[in-house]
PDB file of N, CA and C in Angstrom:
ATOM      1  N   MET A   1     103.708 121.604 110.229  1.00  0.00           N
ATOM      2  CA  MET A   1     103.004 121.632 108.964  1.00  0.00           C
ATOM      3  C   MET A   1     103.052 123.066 108.428  1.00  0.00           C
ATOM      4  N   SER A   2     103.409 123.229 107.168  1.00  0.00           N
ATOM      5  CA  SER A   2     103.483 124.543 106.587  1.00  0.00           C
ATOM      6  C   SER A   2     102.073 125.113 106.401  1.00  0.00           C
ATOM      7  N   ASN A   3     101.982 126.436 106.366  1.00  0.00           N
ATOM      8  CA  ASN A   3     100.684 127.078 106.182  1.00  0.00           C
ATOM      9  C   ASN A   3     100.055 126.696 104.851  1.00  0.00           C
ATOM     10  N   LEU A   4     100.894 126.576 103.793  1.00  0.00           N
ATOM     11  CA  LEU A   4     100.368 126.212 102.467  1.00  0.00           C
ATOM     12  C   LEU A   4      99.790 124.806 102.491  1.00  0.00           C
ATOM     13  N   HIS A   5     100.525 123.865 103.096  1.00  0.00           N
ATOM     14  CA  HIS A   5     100.015 122.500 103.198  1.00  0.00           C
ATOM     15  C   HIS A   5      98.729 122.456 104.007  1.00  0.00           C
ATOM     16  N   HIS A   6      98.707 123.223 105.100  1.00  0.00           N
ATOM     17  CA  HIS A   6      97.514 123.265 105.954  1.00  0.00           C
ATOM     18  C   HIS A   6      96.321 123.827 105.185  1.00  0.00           C
ATOM     19  N   ALA A   7      96.543 124.874 104.402  1.00  0.00           N
ATOM     20  CA  ALA A   7      95.473 125.472 103.593  1.00  0.00           C
ATOM     21  C   ALA A   7      94.977 124.474 102.557  1.00  0.00           C
ATOM     22  N   ASP A   8      95.890 123.732 101.943  1.00  0.00           N
ATOM     23  CA  ASP A   8      95.485 122.699 100.969  1.00  0.00           C
ATOM     24  C   ASP A   8      94.654 121.630 101.639  1.00  0.00           C
ATOM     25  N   GLN A   9      95.074 121.201 102.826  1.00  0.00           N
ATOM     26  CA  GLN A   9      94.352 120.183 103.576  1.00  0.00           C
ATOM     27  C   GLN A   9      92.934 120.670 103.935  1.00  0.00           C
ATOM     28  N   ILE A  10      92.808 121.919 104.344  1.00  0.00           N
ATOM     29  CA  ILE A  10      91.483 122.457 104.681  1.00  0.00           C
ATOM     30  C   ILE A  10      90.642 122.556 103.444  1.00  0.00           C
ATOM     31  N   GLY A  11      91.219 122.973 102.312  1.00  0.00           N
ATOM     32  CA  GLY A  11      90.484 123.026 101.053  1.00  0.00           C
ATOM     33  C   GLY A  11      89.949 121.661 100.657  1.00  0.00           C
ATOM     34  N   GLN A  12      90.739 120.627 100.831  1.00  0.00           N
ATOM     35  CA  GLN A  12      90.308 119.264 100.519  1.00  0.00           C
ATOM     36  C   GLN A  12      89.161 118.856 101.436  1.00  0.00           C
ATOM     37  N   ILE A  13      89.284 119.172 102.708  1.00  0.00           N
ATOM     38  CA  ILE A  13      88.252 118.812 103.678  1.00  0.00           C
ATOM     39  C   ILE A  13      86.936 119.502 103.302  1.00  0.00           C
ATOM     40  N   LEU A  14      86.992 120.797 103.004  1.00  0.00           N
ATOM     41  CA  LEU A  14      85.785 121.561 102.708  1.00  0.00           C
ATOM     42  C   LEU A  14      85.171 121.185 101.371  1.00  0.00           C
ATOM     43  N   GLY A  15      85.909 120.450 100.535  1.00  0.00           N
ATOM     44  CA  GLY A  15      85.395 120.012  99.253  1.00  0.00           C
ATOM     45  C   GLY A  15      84.544 118.765  99.342  1.00  0.00           C
ATOM     46  N   LYS A  16      84.468 118.164 100.537  1.00  0.00           N
ATOM     47  CA  LYS A  16      83.670 116.947 100.737  1.00  0.00           C
ATOM     48  C   LYS A  16      82.269 117.313 101.220  1.00  0.00           C
ATOM     49  N   PRO A  17      81.290 116.430 101.013  1.00  0.00           N
ATOM     50  CA  PRO A  17      79.924 116.738 101.490  1.00  0.00           C
ATOM     51  C   PRO A  17      79.785 116.713 103.022  1.00  0.00           C
ATOM     52  N   THR A  18      80.562 115.872 103.671  1.00  0.00           N
ATOM     53  CA  THR A  18      80.550 115.798 105.123  1.00  0.00           C
ATOM     54  C   THR A  18      81.980 115.711 105.642  1.00  0.00           C
ATOM     55  N   VAL A  19      82.133 116.048 106.924  1.00  0.00           N
ATOM     56  CA  VAL A  19      83.441 115.954 107.575  1.00  0.00           C
ATOM     57  C   VAL A  19      83.301 115.187 108.861  1.00  0.00           C
ATOM     58  N   THR A  20      84.405 114.608 109.321  1.00  0.00           N
ATOM     59  CA  THR A  20      84.428 113.932 110.618  1.00  0.00           C
ATOM     60  C   THR A  20      84.714 114.936 111.716  1.00  0.00           C
ATOM     61  N   VAL A  21      84.569 114.526 112.940  1.00  0.00           N
ATOM     62  CA  VAL A  21      84.884 115.402 114.073  1.00  0.00           C
ATOM     63  C   VAL A  21      86.369 115.739 114.044  1.00  0.00           C
ATOM     64  N   GLU A  22      87.187 114.810 113.645  1.00  0.00           N
ATOM     65  CA  GLU A  22      88.627 115.059 113.559  1.00  0.00           C
ATOM     66  C   GLU A  22      88.930 116.153 112.515  1.00  0.00           C
ATOM     67  N   GLU A  23      88.229 116.115 111.403  1.00  0.00           N
ATOM     68  CA  GLU A  23      88.422 117.147 110.377  1.00  0.00           C
ATOM     69  C   GLU A  23      87.832 118.478 110.840  1.00  0.00           C
ATOM     70  N   LEU A  24      86.716 118.423 111.535  1.00  0.00           N
ATOM     71  CA  LEU A  24      86.095 119.620 112.112  1.00  0.00           C
ATOM     72  C   LEU A  24      87.089 120.384 112.988  1.00  0.00           C
ATOM     73  N   HIS A  25      87.770 119.651 113.863  1.00  0.00           N
ATOM     74  CA  HIS A  25      88.691 120.300 114.791  1.00  0.00           C
ATOM     75  C   HIS A  25      89.875 120.942 114.048  1.00  0.00           C
ATOM     76  N   LEU A  26      90.308 120.316 112.963  1.00  0.00           N
ATOM     77  CA  LEU A  26      91.403 120.888 112.174  1.00  0.00           C
ATOM     78  C   LEU A  26      90.964 122.201 111.498  1.00  0.00           C
ATOM     79  N   VAL A  27      89.784 122.167 110.908  1.00  0.00           N
ATOM     80  CA  VAL A  27      89.295 123.351 110.187  1.00  0.00           C
ATOM     81  C   VAL A  27      89.014 124.515 111.137  1.00  0.00           C
ATOM     82  N   LEU A  28      88.408 124.222 112.267  1.00  0.00           N
ATOM     83  CA  LEU A  28      88.046 125.289 113.210  1.00  0.00           C
ATOM     84  C   LEU A  28      89.225 125.719 114.073  1.00  0.00           C
ATOM     85  N   GLY A  29      90.279 124.902 114.112  1.00  0.00           N
ATOM     86  CA  GLY A  29      91.434 125.244 114.921  1.00  0.00           C
ATOM     87  C   GLY A  29      91.190 125.122 116.396  1.00  0.00           C
ATOM     88  N   ILE A  30      90.328 124.158 116.782  1.00  0.00           N
ATOM     89  CA  ILE A  30      90.036 123.909 118.181  1.00  0.00           C
ATOM     90  C   ILE A  30      90.554 122.519 118.536  1.00  0.00           C
ATOM     91  N   GLY A  31      90.589 122.221 119.806  1.00  0.00           N
ATOM     92  CA  GLY A  31      91.040 120.903 120.235  1.00  0.00           C
ATOM     93  C   GLY A  31      90.042 119.828 119.862  1.00  0.00           C
ATOM     94  N   LEU A  32      90.564 118.637 119.724  1.00  0.00           N
ATOM     95  CA  LEU A  32      89.705 117.505 119.373  1.00  0.00           C
ATOM     96  C   LEU A  32      88.642 117.270 120.438  1.00  0.00           C
ATOM     97  N   ARG A  33      89.028 117.378 121.696  1.00  0.00           N
ATOM     98  CA  ARG A  33      88.067 117.212 122.797  1.00  0.00           C
ATOM     99  C   ARG A  33      86.979 118.269 122.708  1.00  0.00           C
ATOM    100  N   GLN A  34      87.337 119.514 122.427  1.00  0.00           N
ATOM    101  CA  GLN A  34      86.351 120.589 122.291  1.00  0.00           C
ATOM    102  C   GLN A  34      85.392 120.301 121.140  1.00  0.00           C
ATOM    103  N   ALA A  35      85.917 119.771 120.039  1.00  0.00           N
ATOM    104  CA  ALA A  35      85.049 119.443 118.891  1.00  0.00           C
ATOM    105  C   ALA A  35      84.058 118.374 119.269  1.00  0.00           C
ATOM    106  N   TYR A  36      84.528 117.307 119.919  1.00  0.00           N
ATOM    107  CA  TYR A  36      83.608 116.240 120.325  1.00  0.00           C
ATOM    108  C   TYR A  36      82.581 116.747 121.322  1.00  0.00           C
ATOM    109  N   GLU A  37      82.993 117.604 122.268  1.00  0.00           N
ATOM    110  CA  GLU A  37      82.056 118.134 123.257  1.00  0.00           C
ATOM    111  C   GLU A  37      80.986 119.007 122.580  1.00  0.00           C
ATOM    112  N   ALA A  38      81.380 119.833 121.609  1.00  0.00           N
ATOM    113  CA  ALA A  38      80.434 120.695 120.908  1.00  0.00           C
ATOM    114  C   ALA A  38      79.409 119.860 120.139  1.00  0.00           C
ATOM    115  N   VAL A  39      79.880 118.772 119.513  1.00  0.00           N
ATOM    116  CA  VAL A  39      78.968 117.903 118.759  1.00  0.00           C
ATOM    117  C   VAL A  39      78.058 117.154 119.733  1.00  0.00           C
ATOM    118  N   ASN A  40      78.628 116.627 120.808  1.00  0.00           N
ATOM    119  CA  ASN A  40      77.830 115.865 121.765  1.00  0.00           C
ATOM    120  C   ASN A  40      76.769 116.730 122.488  1.00  0.00           C
ATOM    121  N   ARG A  41      77.093 118.011 122.704  1.00  0.00           N
ATOM    122  CA  ARG A  41      76.115 118.939 123.305  1.00  0.00           C
ATOM    123  C   ARG A  41      75.056 119.353 122.306  1.00  0.00           C
ATOM    124  N   GLY A  42      75.295 119.113 121.032  1.00  0.00           N
ATOM    125  CA  GLY A  42      74.352 119.557 120.005  1.00  0.00           C
ATOM    126  C   GLY A  42      74.615 120.962 119.512  1.00  0.00           C
ATOM    127  N   ASP A  43      75.724 121.570 119.949  1.00  0.00           N
ATOM    128  CA  ASP A  43      76.064 122.905 119.503  1.00  0.00           C
ATOM    129  C   ASP A  43      76.353 122.926 118.008  1.00  0.00           C
ATOM    130  N   ILE A  44      76.954 121.863 117.506  1.00  0.00           N
ATOM    131  CA  ILE A  44      77.228 121.709 116.093  1.00  0.00           C
ATOM    132  C   ILE A  44      76.385 120.541 115.590  1.00  0.00           C
ATOM    133  N   PRO A  45      75.459 120.807 114.699  1.00  0.00           N
ATOM    134  CA  PRO A  45      74.568 119.730 114.197  1.00  0.00           C
ATOM    135  C   PRO A  45      75.394 118.638 113.531  1.00  0.00           C
ATOM    136  N   SER A  46      75.012 117.394 113.804  1.00  0.00           N
ATOM    137  CA  SER A  46      75.755 116.266 113.247  1.00  0.00           C
ATOM    138  C   SER A  46      74.802 115.147 112.840  1.00  0.00           C
ATOM    139  N   ILE A  47      75.343 114.239 112.087  1.00  0.00           N
ATOM    140  CA  ILE A  47      74.624 113.047 111.646  1.00  0.00           C
ATOM    141  C   ILE A  47      75.361 111.863 112.258  1.00  0.00           C
ATOM    142  N   ARG A  48      74.634 110.962 112.889  1.00  0.00           N
ATOM    143  CA  ARG A  48      75.252 109.782 113.479  1.00  0.00           C
ATOM    144  C   ARG A  48      74.842 108.555 112.666  1.00  0.00           C
ATOM    145  N   LEU A  49      75.854 107.840 112.211  1.00  0.00           N
ATOM    146  CA  LEU A  49      75.658 106.609 111.457  1.00  0.00           C
ATOM    147  C   LEU A  49      76.436 105.522 112.189  1.00  0.00           C
ATOM    148  N   GLY A  50      75.753 104.776 113.025  1.00  0.00           N
ATOM    149  CA  GLY A  50      76.454 103.814 113.864  1.00  0.00           C
ATOM    150  C   GLY A  50      77.367 104.567 114.797  1.00  0.00           C
ATOM    151  N   LYS A  51      78.653 104.242 114.778  1.00  0.00           N
ATOM    152  CA  LYS A  51      79.615 104.927 115.640  1.00  0.00           C
ATOM    153  C   LYS A  51      80.239 106.155 114.963  1.00  0.00           C
ATOM    154  N   ARG A  52      79.937 106.332 113.684  1.00  0.00           N
ATOM    155  CA  ARG A  52      80.502 107.483 112.944  1.00  0.00           C
ATOM    156  C   ARG A  52      79.671 108.727 113.215  1.00  0.00           C
ATOM    157  N   ILE A  53      80.367 109.843 113.387  1.00  0.00           N
ATOM    158  CA  ILE A  53      79.725 111.146 113.543  1.00  0.00           C
ATOM    159  C   ILE A  53      80.172 111.976 112.361  1.00  0.00           C
ATOM    160  N   LEU A  54      79.214 112.498 111.601  1.00  0.00           N
ATOM    161  CA  LEU A  54      79.528 113.314 110.417  1.00  0.00           C
ATOM    162  C   LEU A  54      78.862 114.683 110.576  1.00  0.00           C
ATOM    163  N   ILE A  55      79.523 115.706 110.060  1.00  0.00           N
ATOM    164  CA  ILE A  55      79.007 117.066 110.090  1.00  0.00           C
ATOM    165  C   ILE A  55      78.909 117.537 108.637  1.00  0.00           C
ATOM    166  N   SER A  56      77.791 118.121 108.263  1.00  0.00           N
ATOM    167  CA  SER A  56      77.628 118.627 106.912  1.00  0.00           C
ATOM    168  C   SER A  56      78.652 119.726 106.676  1.00  0.00           C
ATOM    169  N   THR A  57      79.304 119.671 105.523  1.00  0.00           N
ATOM    170  CA  THR A  57      80.266 120.727 105.175  1.00  0.00           C
ATOM    171  C   THR A  57      79.543 122.072 105.077  1.00  0.00           C
ATOM    172  N   ARG A  58      78.300 122.079 104.660  1.00  0.00           N
ATOM    173  CA  ARG A  58      77.530 123.309 104.573  1.00  0.00           C
ATOM    174  C   ARG A  58      77.419 123.965 105.967  1.00  0.00           C
ATOM    175  N   VAL A  59      77.171 123.159 106.991  1.00  0.00           N
ATOM    176  CA  VAL A  59      77.120 123.671 108.353  1.00  0.00           C
ATOM    177  C   VAL A  59      78.451 124.264 108.747  1.00  0.00           C
ATOM    178  N   LEU A  60      79.532 123.542 108.443  1.00  0.00           N
ATOM    179  CA  LEU A  60      80.877 124.021 108.763  1.00  0.00           C
ATOM    180  C   LEU A  60      81.195 125.321 108.041  1.00  0.00           C
ATOM    181  N   GLN A  61      80.816 125.416 106.772  1.00  0.00           N
ATOM    182  CA  GLN A  61      81.053 126.645 105.993  1.00  0.00           C
ATOM    183  C   GLN A  61      80.240 127.802 106.562  1.00  0.00           C
ATOM    184  N   ASP A  62      79.017 127.522 107.044  1.00  0.00           N
ATOM    185  CA  ASP A  62      78.194 128.565 107.680  1.00  0.00           C
ATOM    186  C   ASP A  62      78.852 129.068 108.962  1.00  0.00           C
ATOM    187  N   ILE A  63      79.414 128.161 109.720  1.00  0.00           N
ATOM    188  CA  ILE A  63      80.127 128.550 110.947  1.00  0.00           C
ATOM    189  C   ILE A  63      81.301 129.454 110.617  1.00  0.00           C
ATOM    190  N   LEU A  64      82.070 129.078 109.601  1.00  0.00           N
ATOM    191  CA  LEU A  64      83.215 129.872 109.194  1.00  0.00           C
ATOM    192  C   LEU A  64      82.799 131.226 108.630  1.00  0.00           C
ATOM    193  N   ALA A  65      81.698 131.269 107.870  1.00  0.00           N
ATOM    194  CA  ALA A  65      81.274 132.508 107.246  1.00  0.00           C
ATOM    195  C   ALA A  65      80.697 133.506 108.258  1.00  0.00           C
ATOM    196  N   THR A  66      79.928 132.981 109.218  1.00  0.00           N
ATOM    197  CA  THR A  66      79.237 133.862 110.173  1.00  0.00           C
ATOM    198  C   THR A  66      80.010 134.056 111.483  1.00  0.00           C
ATOM    199  N   GLY A  67      80.907 133.135 111.763  1.00  0.00           N
ATOM    200  CA  GLY A  67      81.633 133.194 113.045  1.00  0.00           C
ATOM    201  C   GLY A  67      80.800 132.740 114.215  1.00  0.00           C
ATOM    202  N   SER A  68      79.673 132.060 113.913  1.00  0.00           N
ATOM    203  CA  SER A  68      78.834 131.568 115.012  1.00  0.00           C
ATOM    204  C   SER A  68      78.194 130.236 114.615  1.00  0.00           C
ATOM    205  N   ILE A  69      77.679 129.558 115.616  1.00  0.00           N
ATOM    206  CA  ILE A  69      77.047 128.296 115.433  1.00  0.00           C
ATOM    207  C   ILE A  69      75.613 128.568 114.918  1.00  0.00           C
ATOM    208  N   PRO A  70      75.168 127.865 113.849  1.00  0.00           N
ATOM    209  CA  PRO A  70      73.812 128.089 113.343  1.00  0.00           C
ATOM    210  C   PRO A  70      72.761 127.693 114.358  1.00  0.00           C
ATOM    211  N   VAL A  71      71.684 128.446 114.426  1.00  0.00           N
ATOM    212  CA  VAL A  71      70.569 128.128 115.312  1.00  0.00           C
ATOM    213  C   VAL A  71      69.724 127.064 114.626  1.00  0.00           C
ATOM    214  N   GLN A  72      69.436 125.987 115.334  1.00  0.00           N
ATOM    215  CA  GLN A  72      68.637 124.904 114.773  1.00  0.00           C
ATOM    216  C   GLN A  72      67.169 125.156 115.030  1.00  0.00           C
ATOM    217  N   ALA A  73      66.366 124.750 114.094  1.00  0.00           N
ATOM    218  CA  ALA A  73      64.910 124.822 114.278  1.00  0.00           C
ATOM    219  C   ALA A  73      64.499 123.822 115.333  1.00  0.00           C
ATOM    220  N   ALA A  74      63.648 124.218 116.217  1.00  0.00           N
ATOM    221  CA  ALA A  74      63.202 123.310 117.308  1.00  0.00           C
ATOM    222  C   ALA A  74      62.098 122.404 116.792  1.00  0.00           C
TER     223      ALA A  74
END
């Protein structure tokens, strides 16, 4: 995949209100297994709707902007 196509794909992903774990792994450049593990551990806040797992794009953008996982309120 060319870098331009990849950048376009990431731009489209970040333009949505939520992303899937599969999209999360593409944007963060981590393995799919690592993405699922981070979500399942609660490291990355997610929304579960039945079997679907969704991550707020705002959370993902915060991770990209700060370089760290946001601290959740207890």
